[in-house]
Amino acid sequence: MEVKWNCCKLMLILALCSSAVECRRRLKVGRRRNPQASHLNVQNELKSLSIKHKLNATTTAPETASAPETTKDPGSSGTRLGNAFNTEYYLPVTIGTPPQEFILLIDTGSSNLWVPSSKCPATVKSCVSHNQYDSKSSSSYVANGTAFTIEYASKSEGGVALSGILSQDTVTIAELAIQRQVFAEITDEPEATFLSSPFDGMFGLGYASISIGGVTPPFYNLVAQGLIKHPVFSIYLNRNGTNATDGGELVLGGIDATLFSGCLTYVPVSQQGYWQFVMTSAVLGGKTFCTHCQAILDVGTSLLVAPTAAIKKINQLLAVLNPKDASGVFLVNCSTIASLPTMVFTIARKEFPLQPSDYILQYGETCVSSFTSLAGSDLWILGEVFMGAYYTVYDMGYNQIGLATAMH
């Protein structure tokens, strides 16, 4: 095994037990871009955040910094993934015997796996327009039948709720076959949200504590069944391509050190549900908006979410064109991007800067600030805008998050 030596060489010895990458699987991420659809996608996403991130902020662990790990495993195998509009990253998964193919959105802010069911009524167009799981066609199917409901927004915010039943079957991701995985067959879902989505369902990578119905998440079963050696996964997001099969990489069981530079900085998970941690500070234009605040690192959120009070001040610094817009999507003058200040997040005493070109999303001649707020929450959520700049490691074994500068 090749080792990536750098300034953190000494700390590498201490980290090897949690960072070895044998028995891991790599999945390449692709993406697609459509300026008009991208802008609408940002607006639609805001409807789903309030239910998804309902939790109490607590601090249970001190901040620490650690070091980089190992390099990539030459024997790893992978499969292609995609990205829709640079705001949603998804992967191919099969369910059943013989395998039935699905495209699933990856989401570290939820923990369940769900797909549309062949039991969907023909009137549910968003369901029948996607790949559907047919239990009658799978010899490895085991009936469960427990009712299942999951909400991604309240009815007052658009009614993004799905319902169906639980079932059990073989789920294969990156050539790793998870036996007896419980998942949800969705029989009812909102047409407005999912009819045109490029993905069929969702693949949750959060902690088991937030799994609906007490279902064991797929990642837990990957570890329990010995399919990966270490309870670690890592994510690299490409932000500048248009190829539907080249949007990044998900590594199961380890990391790919060819995709980042320098040291991995680790911060403890402060609450095991979402991938939540204590952020030292958030500073924009010399103004501090956060000191030792709770934050979530979430690949299922494309934006940067901040408390409402902070957003008002951030909007002033960015000179947004529509500061009173109730949609939460704020526009900036595209000609001013180069002159905007750098956003600096400090995590585990290390600075992670975002340039204006990172946090301003440009869709044709429309420029959108990636900063938005979540009513009634003091949480910060660092979504894909942040993760595009930084390689992220999710370590369930040591309950910590690792960050390093992504190589682009």
Protein backbone atom coordinates (compact mmCIF):
# COMPACT_ATOMS: atom_id res chain seq x y z
CA MET A 1 0.00 0.00 0.00
CA GLU A 2 1.34 3.38 -1.01
CA VAL A 3 1.25 6.15 1.61
CA LYS A 4 0.84 9.87 1.02
CA TRP A 5 3.47 11.57 3.20
CA ASN A 6 3.30 15.27 3.98
CA CYS A 7 3.39 17.70 6.91
CA CYS A 8 1.20 15.37 8.97
CA LYS A 9 3.46 12.32 8.59
CA LEU A 10 3.65 11.65 12.33
CA MET A 11 -0.11 11.75 12.81
CA LEU A 12 -0.59 9.32 9.92
CA ILE A 13 0.69 6.45 12.06
CA LEU A 14 -2.06 7.13 14.60
CA ALA A 15 -4.75 7.35 11.96
CA LEU A 16 -4.06 4.20 9.96
CA CYS A 17 -6.45 1.98 11.89
CA SER A 18 -9.37 4.16 10.86
CA SER A 19 -8.20 5.17 7.41
CA ALA A 20 -6.91 2.09 5.63
CA VAL A 21 -8.58 1.73 2.29
CA GLU A 22 -8.42 -1.95 1.46
CA CYS A 23 -11.82 -3.46 0.69
CA ARG A 24 -13.24 -0.14 -0.38
CA ARG A 25 -15.29 0.68 -3.44
CA ARG A 26 -15.12 3.83 -5.56
CA LEU A 27 -18.00 5.35 -7.49
CA LYS A 28 -17.52 8.11 -10.03
CA VAL A 29 -20.02 10.95 -10.01
CA GLY A 30 -21.25 12.68 -13.15
CA ARG A 31 -23.27 15.83 -13.62
CA ARG A 32 -25.59 17.62 -15.99
CA ARG A 33 -26.21 21.34 -16.22
CA ASN A 34 -29.18 23.33 -17.44
CA PRO A 35 -29.20 27.02 -16.41
CA GLN A 36 -32.96 27.47 -16.17
CA ALA A 37 -33.58 24.13 -14.48
CA SER A 38 -30.69 24.76 -12.10
CA HIS A 39 -32.22 28.01 -10.86
CA LEU A 40 -35.60 26.35 -10.37
CA ASN A 41 -33.92 23.45 -8.61
CA VAL A 42 -32.42 25.84 -6.05
CA GLN A 43 -35.86 27.31 -5.39
CA ASN A 44 -37.46 23.89 -4.99
CA GLU A 45 -34.78 22.69 -2.61
CA LEU A 46 -35.59 25.37 -0.06
CA LYS A 47 -39.03 23.80 0.39
CA SER A 48 -37.51 20.59 1.74
CA LEU A 49 -34.99 21.81 4.30
CA SER A 50 -37.23 22.62 7.27
CA ILE A 51 -38.40 19.05 7.85
CA LYS A 52 -35.13 17.39 6.89
CA HIS A 53 -33.09 19.27 9.47
CA LYS A 54 -35.32 19.30 12.56
CA LEU A 55 -32.93 18.71 15.46
CA ASN A 56 -31.64 20.32 18.63
CA ALA A 57 -28.13 21.77 18.58
CA THR A 58 -25.90 20.38 21.31
CA THR A 59 -22.19 20.30 21.90
CA THR A 60 -20.82 17.03 23.22
CA ALA A 61 -17.25 16.84 21.98
CA PRO A 62 -14.21 19.15 21.82
CA GLU A 63 -12.62 20.22 18.55
CA THR A 64 -9.56 18.33 17.38
CA ALA A 65 -7.33 18.34 14.34
CA SER A 66 -5.82 15.25 12.75
CA ALA A 67 -3.91 14.21 9.66
CA PRO A 68 -4.15 12.71 6.21
CA GLU A 69 -4.53 9.09 5.50
CA THR A 70 -3.56 6.58 2.90
CA THR A 71 -3.67 6.70 -0.89
CA LYS A 72 -6.08 5.03 -3.22
CA ASP A 73 -6.39 1.26 -3.43
CA PRO A 74 -5.32 0.08 -6.93
CA GLY A 75 -7.66 -2.91 -6.61
CA SER A 76 -10.80 -0.91 -5.92
CA SER A 77 -13.77 -1.20 -8.26
CA GLY A 78 -16.42 1.37 -9.01
CA THR A 79 -19.35 2.42 -11.11
CA ARG A 80 -20.55 5.65 -12.67
CA LEU A 81 -22.72 8.25 -10.93
CA GLY A 82 -24.42 11.37 -12.17
CA ASN A 83 -25.19 14.93 -11.15
CA ALA A 84 -28.29 16.93 -12.01
CA PHE A 85 -27.87 20.68 -12.54
CA ASN A 86 -24.82 20.79 -10.25
CA THR A 87 -27.17 20.58 -7.27
CA GLU A 88 -27.95 16.85 -6.95
CA TYR A 89 -25.49 13.96 -6.99
CA TYR A 90 -26.69 10.43 -7.61
CA LEU A 91 -25.47 6.87 -8.07
CA PRO A 92 -26.59 3.63 -9.75
CA VAL A 93 -27.92 0.90 -7.48
CA THR A 94 -29.60 -2.40 -8.27
CA ILE A 95 -32.21 -4.20 -6.19
CA GLY A 96 -33.34 -7.80 -6.43
CA THR A 97 -32.48 -11.00 -8.30
CA PRO A 98 -32.12 -10.55 -11.23
CA PRO A 99 -31.03 -6.95 -10.61
CA GLN A 100 -33.44 -4.09 -11.21
CA GLU A 101 -31.64 -0.81 -11.93
CA PHE A 102 -32.20 2.52 -10.17
CA ILE A 103 -30.56 5.94 -9.97
CA LEU A 104 -30.52 7.15 -6.36
CA LEU A 105 -29.75 10.57 -4.91
CA ILE A 106 -27.02 10.38 -2.26
CA ASP A 107 -27.95 12.19 0.94
CA THR A 108 -25.96 12.37 4.17
CA GLY A 109 -28.90 14.18 5.79
CA SER A 110 -31.16 11.12 5.78
CA SER A 111 -30.66 7.40 6.37
CA ASN A 112 -33.28 5.47 4.42
CA LEU A 113 -33.22 3.89 0.99
CA TRP A 114 -36.40 4.26 -1.05
CA VAL A 115 -37.43 3.63 -4.64
CA PRO A 116 -40.70 3.86 -6.59
CA SER A 117 -42.82 0.72 -6.51
CA SER A 118 -44.61 -1.12 -9.30
CA LYS A 119 -47.58 -0.98 -6.92
CA CYS A 120 -47.92 2.77 -7.65
CA PRO A 121 -51.33 3.70 -9.09
CA ALA A 122 -51.17 4.85 -12.70
CA THR A 123 -52.41 8.25 -11.51
CA VAL A 124 -49.12 8.90 -9.65
CA LYS A 125 -47.26 10.14 -12.72
CA SER A 126 -44.04 10.98 -10.86
CA CYS A 127 -43.85 7.36 -9.77
CA VAL A 128 -44.68 5.62 -13.03
CA SER A 129 -42.31 7.91 -14.99
CA HIS A 130 -39.33 6.42 -13.14
CA ASN A 131 -37.83 2.97 -12.69
CA GLN A 132 -40.06 0.93 -10.39
CA TYR A 133 -39.24 -1.99 -8.12
CA ASP A 134 -41.26 -5.11 -8.91
CA SER A 135 -41.14 -7.57 -6.01
CA LYS A 136 -42.76 -10.29 -8.12
CA SER A 137 -39.76 -10.26 -10.46
CA SER A 138 -37.19 -10.85 -7.70
CA SER A 139 -36.40 -14.31 -6.33
CA SER A 140 -34.60 -12.76 -3.32
CA TYR A 141 -37.54 -10.58 -2.25
CA VAL A 142 -38.85 -11.00 1.30
CA ALA A 143 -42.15 -9.37 2.22
CA ASN A 144 -42.31 -6.92 5.12
CA GLY A 145 -45.36 -4.74 4.50
CA THR A 146 -44.85 -2.20 7.29
CA ALA A 147 -46.29 1.20 6.36
CA PHE A 148 -43.66 3.83 5.58
CA THR A 149 -43.90 7.63 5.36
CA ILE A 150 -41.11 10.16 5.00
CA GLU A 151 -41.38 13.96 4.80
CA TYR A 152 -38.95 16.35 3.16
CA ALA A 153 -41.16 19.40 3.73
CA SER A 154 -44.37 20.25 5.54
CA LYS A 155 -47.66 20.57 3.64
CA SER A 156 -47.59 24.34 4.11
CA GLU A 157 -44.24 24.42 2.31
CA GLY A 158 -45.20 22.27 -0.62
CA GLY A 159 -46.17 18.92 0.84
CA VAL A 160 -43.06 16.97 -0.11
CA ALA A 161 -44.04 13.71 1.58
CA LEU A 162 -43.79 10.14 0.31
CA SER A 163 -45.49 6.97 1.48
CA GLY A 164 -45.40 3.26 0.77
CA ILE A 165 -44.34 0.02 2.43
CA LEU A 166 -41.13 -1.58 3.63
CA SER A 167 -39.67 -4.57 1.79
CA GLN A 168 -36.48 -6.63 1.94
CA ASP A 169 -34.17 -7.69 -0.88
CA THR A 170 -30.58 -7.75 -2.11
CA VAL A 171 -29.21 -4.25 -2.77
CA THR A 172 -26.04 -3.89 -4.84
CA ILE A 173 -23.89 -0.76 -4.89
CA ALA A 174 -20.43 -0.62 -6.50
CA GLU A 175 -20.51 -4.40 -7.01
CA LEU A 176 -21.11 -4.92 -3.29
CA ALA A 177 -24.23 -7.02 -2.71
CA ILE A 178 -25.98 -6.20 0.57
CA GLN A 179 -28.11 -9.16 1.62
CA ARG A 180 -31.51 -8.75 3.30
CA GLN A 181 -31.54 -4.95 3.08
CA VAL A 182 -34.80 -3.34 4.19
CA PHE A 183 -35.90 -0.44 2.01
CA ALA A 184 -39.08 1.42 1.14
CA GLU A 185 -41.25 0.83 -1.91
CA ILE A 186 -42.91 4.20 -2.56
CA THR A 187 -46.48 4.11 -3.84
CA ASP A 188 -47.34 7.80 -3.48
CA GLU A 189 -45.12 10.83 -4.08
CA PRO A 190 -45.72 14.47 -5.06
CA GLU A 191 -45.73 15.00 -8.80
CA ALA A 192 -44.48 18.59 -8.70
CA THR A 193 -41.27 17.59 -6.93
CA PHE A 194 -40.33 14.28 -8.51
CA LEU A 195 -41.93 14.10 -11.97
CA SER A 196 -38.90 15.57 -13.77
CA SER A 197 -36.19 14.49 -11.33
CA PRO A 198 -33.25 12.62 -12.91
CA PHE A 199 -33.16 10.20 -9.99
CA ASP A 200 -35.59 7.45 -9.03
CA GLY A 201 -35.14 7.41 -5.27
CA MET A 202 -32.78 8.17 -2.41
CA PHE A 203 -29.77 6.52 -0.76
CA GLY A 204 -29.34 7.85 2.79
CA LEU A 205 -25.90 7.96 4.40
CA GLY A 206 -26.81 9.48 7.77
CA TYR A 207 -26.69 7.82 11.18
CA ALA A 208 -29.15 5.05 12.07
CA SER A 209 -30.69 7.27 14.77
CA ILE A 210 -32.56 9.29 12.11
CA SER A 211 -33.67 6.30 10.04
CA ILE A 212 -37.45 6.24 9.56
CA GLY A 213 -39.03 3.10 10.98
CA GLY A 214 -35.85 2.00 12.74
CA VAL A 215 -34.55 0.49 9.49
CA THR A 216 -30.84 -0.40 9.44
CA PRO A 217 -29.26 1.90 6.81
CA PRO A 218 -27.43 0.29 3.87
CA PHE A 219 -24.03 1.64 4.93
CA TYR A 220 -24.35 -0.09 8.31
CA ASN A 221 -25.06 -3.38 6.55
CA LEU A 222 -22.06 -2.89 4.26
CA VAL A 223 -19.93 -2.90 7.40
CA ALA A 224 -21.84 -5.60 9.31
CA GLN A 225 -21.72 -8.02 6.38
CA GLY A 226 -17.98 -7.52 5.89
CA LEU A 227 -18.35 -5.93 2.47
CA ILE A 228 -16.12 -3.03 3.51
CA LYS A 229 -13.47 -3.24 6.20
CA HIS A 230 -13.80 0.20 7.75
CA PRO A 231 -16.94 2.22 8.61
CA VAL A 232 -15.75 5.17 6.52
CA PHE A 233 -16.93 6.76 3.29
CA SER A 234 -15.64 9.82 1.50
CA ILE A 235 -16.98 12.18 -1.14
CA TYR A 236 -15.39 14.24 -3.90
CA LEU A 237 -17.61 16.60 -5.90
CA ASN A 238 -16.68 17.98 -9.28
CA ARG A 239 -18.12 21.47 -9.81
CA ASN A 240 -16.85 22.45 -13.25
CA GLY A 241 -17.82 19.68 -15.65
CA THR A 242 -20.83 19.01 -17.83
CA ASN A 243 -20.31 15.28 -18.40
CA ALA A 244 -23.16 13.25 -16.94
CA THR A 245 -20.71 10.59 -15.76
CA ASP A 246 -17.96 12.76 -14.30
CA GLY A 247 -19.31 14.71 -11.36
CA GLY A 248 -17.12 13.25 -8.64
CA GLU A 249 -16.57 10.14 -6.57
CA LEU A 250 -17.99 8.28 -3.59
CA VAL A 251 -15.57 5.91 -1.86
CA LEU A 252 -17.00 3.20 0.38
CA GLY A 253 -14.67 1.91 3.09
CA GLY A 254 -11.90 4.50 2.84
CA ILE A 255 -10.55 7.48 0.93
CA ASP A 256 -8.86 8.38 -2.33
CA ALA A 257 -5.86 10.53 -1.44
CA THR A 258 -5.23 11.40 -5.09
CA LEU A 259 -8.27 13.65 -4.91
CA PHE A 260 -7.07 16.02 -2.18
CA SER A 261 -3.95 17.90 -1.19
CA GLY A 262 -2.34 18.53 2.18
CA CYS A 263 -3.62 17.29 5.51
CA LEU A 264 -7.03 16.00 6.41
CA THR A 265 -8.38 18.04 9.31
CA TYR A 266 -10.73 16.13 11.60
CA VAL A 267 -13.54 17.48 13.74
CA PRO A 268 -15.64 15.29 16.09
CA VAL A 269 -19.30 14.66 15.38
CA SER A 270 -21.18 16.57 18.09
CA GLN A 271 -24.52 14.82 17.64
CA GLN A 272 -24.95 11.45 15.93
CA GLY A 273 -27.91 11.86 13.62
CA TYR A 274 -26.96 14.19 10.83
CA TRP A 275 -23.24 14.72 10.34
CA GLN A 276 -23.17 17.56 12.85
CA PHE A 277 -20.13 19.28 14.36
CA VAL A 278 -18.98 22.46 16.11
CA MET A 279 -17.77 25.13 13.70
CA THR A 280 -15.27 27.53 15.25
CA SER A 281 -16.33 30.55 13.20
CA ALA A 282 -17.74 31.87 9.93
CA VAL A 283 -16.34 35.19 8.69
CA LEU A 284 -17.25 37.22 5.60
CA GLY A 285 -15.72 40.57 4.76
CA GLY A 286 -14.15 40.84 8.20
CA LYS A 287 -17.49 40.33 9.96
CA THR A 288 -17.96 37.28 12.19
CA PHE A 289 -21.31 35.54 11.86
CA CYS A 290 -20.66 32.47 13.97
CA THR A 291 -18.56 31.51 16.98
CA HIS A 292 -18.56 27.89 18.13
CA CYS A 293 -21.86 27.19 16.43
CA GLN A 294 -23.46 23.93 15.39
CA ALA A 295 -23.13 22.98 11.72
CA ILE A 296 -24.02 20.06 9.45
CA LEU A 297 -22.02 18.78 6.49
CA ASP A 298 -24.62 17.56 4.01
CA VAL A 299 -24.24 16.28 0.46
CA GLY A 300 -28.04 16.32 0.19
CA THR A 301 -28.13 20.13 0.45
CA SER A 302 -26.74 22.10 -2.47
CA LEU A 303 -26.60 25.48 -0.69
CA LEU A 304 -25.04 27.16 2.36
CA VAL A 305 -27.68 27.56 5.07
CA ALA A 306 -27.21 30.10 7.87
CA PRO A 307 -29.43 31.53 10.64
CA THR A 308 -31.85 34.21 9.45
CA ALA A 309 -30.08 37.03 11.32
CA ALA A 310 -26.79 36.14 9.64
CA ILE A 311 -28.37 35.97 6.19
CA LYS A 312 -29.66 39.54 6.44
CA LYS A 313 -26.14 40.82 7.12
CA ILE A 314 -24.57 38.55 4.50
CA ASN A 315 -27.04 39.87 1.93
CA GLN A 316 -25.95 43.40 2.74
CA LEU A 317 -22.29 42.52 2.18
CA LEU A 318 -23.12 40.83 -1.11
CA ALA A 319 -25.44 43.66 -2.17
CA VAL A 320 -28.12 41.20 -3.23
CA LEU A 321 -30.70 42.56 -5.65
CA ASN A 322 -33.77 41.12 -3.89
CA PRO A 323 -33.10 41.10 -0.11
CA LYS A 324 -36.81 40.85 0.78
CA ASP A 325 -37.59 37.94 -1.54
CA ALA A 326 -39.64 35.43 0.46
CA SER A 327 -38.42 32.52 -1.67
CA GLY A 328 -35.02 32.62 0.04
CA VAL A 329 -33.22 32.68 -3.32
CA PHE A 330 -31.14 35.86 -3.52
CA LEU A 331 -29.67 37.31 -6.71
CA VAL A 332 -26.47 39.27 -7.16
CA ASN A 333 -25.08 41.35 -10.01
CA CYS A 334 -22.88 39.00 -12.04
CA SER A 335 -20.42 41.81 -12.77
CA THR A 336 -19.61 42.17 -9.05
CA ILE A 337 -18.54 38.57 -8.35
CA ALA A 338 -14.80 39.24 -8.60
CA SER A 339 -15.01 42.06 -6.05
CA LEU A 340 -16.99 40.16 -3.40
CA PRO A 341 -15.24 39.07 -0.16
CA THR A 342 -13.96 35.59 0.65
CA MET A 343 -16.06 33.51 3.05
CA VAL A 344 -13.88 31.81 5.66
CA PHE A 345 -15.16 28.88 7.71
CA THR A 346 -12.89 27.85 10.58
CA ILE A 347 -13.25 24.21 11.61
CA ALA A 348 -11.04 22.54 14.21
CA ARG A 349 -8.91 25.70 14.24
CA LYS A 350 -8.19 25.47 10.49
CA GLU A 351 -9.50 27.94 7.94
CA PHE A 352 -11.50 26.69 4.95
CA PRO A 353 -12.04 29.65 2.60
CA LEU A 354 -14.67 29.85 -0.14
CA GLN A 355 -14.08 32.28 -2.98
CA PRO A 356 -16.96 34.28 -4.52
CA SER A 357 -16.71 32.04 -7.58
CA ASP A 358 -17.47 29.13 -5.24
CA TYR A 359 -20.43 30.59 -3.36
CA ILE A 360 -22.09 32.48 -6.22
CA LEU A 361 -23.94 30.14 -8.58
CA GLN A 362 -24.05 31.41 -12.14
CA TYR A 363 -26.79 30.12 -14.45
CA GLY A 364 -26.39 31.87 -17.77
CA GLU A 365 -26.89 35.57 -17.07
CA THR A 366 -28.44 34.92 -13.65
CA CYS A 367 -26.22 34.85 -10.56
CA VAL A 368 -27.56 33.37 -7.33
CA SER A 369 -26.09 33.63 -3.85
CA SER A 370 -25.71 30.16 -2.33
CA PHE A 371 -26.45 31.61 1.13
CA THR A 372 -29.97 31.07 2.39
CA SER A 373 -31.72 30.63 5.73
CA LEU A 374 -33.88 28.03 7.45
CA ALA A 375 -36.71 29.47 9.53
CA GLY A 376 -36.56 28.60 13.21
CA SER A 377 -33.07 27.09 13.10
CA ASP A 378 -29.71 28.31 14.36
CA LEU A 379 -27.86 25.60 12.46
CA TRP A 380 -25.40 26.20 9.66
CA ILE A 381 -25.53 23.65 6.83
CA LEU A 382 -22.49 23.33 4.60
CA GLY A 383 -23.81 21.75 1.43
CA GLU A 384 -22.41 20.91 -1.96
CA VAL A 385 -21.16 24.46 -2.57
CA PHE A 386 -18.69 23.90 0.29
CA MET A 387 -18.04 20.24 -0.52
CA GLY A 388 -17.08 21.12 -4.07
CA ALA A 389 -14.03 22.88 -2.67
CA TYR A 390 -13.17 20.33 0.02
CA TYR A 391 -12.80 16.57 0.00
CA THR A 392 -14.91 15.15 2.83
CA VAL A 393 -14.46 12.01 4.91
CA TYR A 394 -17.30 10.60 7.01
CA ASP A 395 -15.90 8.31 9.70
CA MET A 396 -18.54 6.39 11.68
CA GLY A 397 -15.91 4.33 13.48
CA TYR A 398 -14.42 7.34 15.25
CA ASN A 399 -17.47 9.60 14.80
CA GLN A 400 -15.55 12.34 13.07
CA ILE A 401 -15.48 14.30 9.83
CA GLY A 402 -12.33 14.88 7.80
CA LEU A 403 -11.74 17.79 5.42
CA ALA A 404 -8.98 18.60 2.94
CA THR A 405 -8.60 20.79 -0.13
CA ALA A 406 -10.07 19.01 -3.15
CA MET A 407 -7.90 18.58 -6.23
CA HIS A 408 -9.56 19.98 -9.35
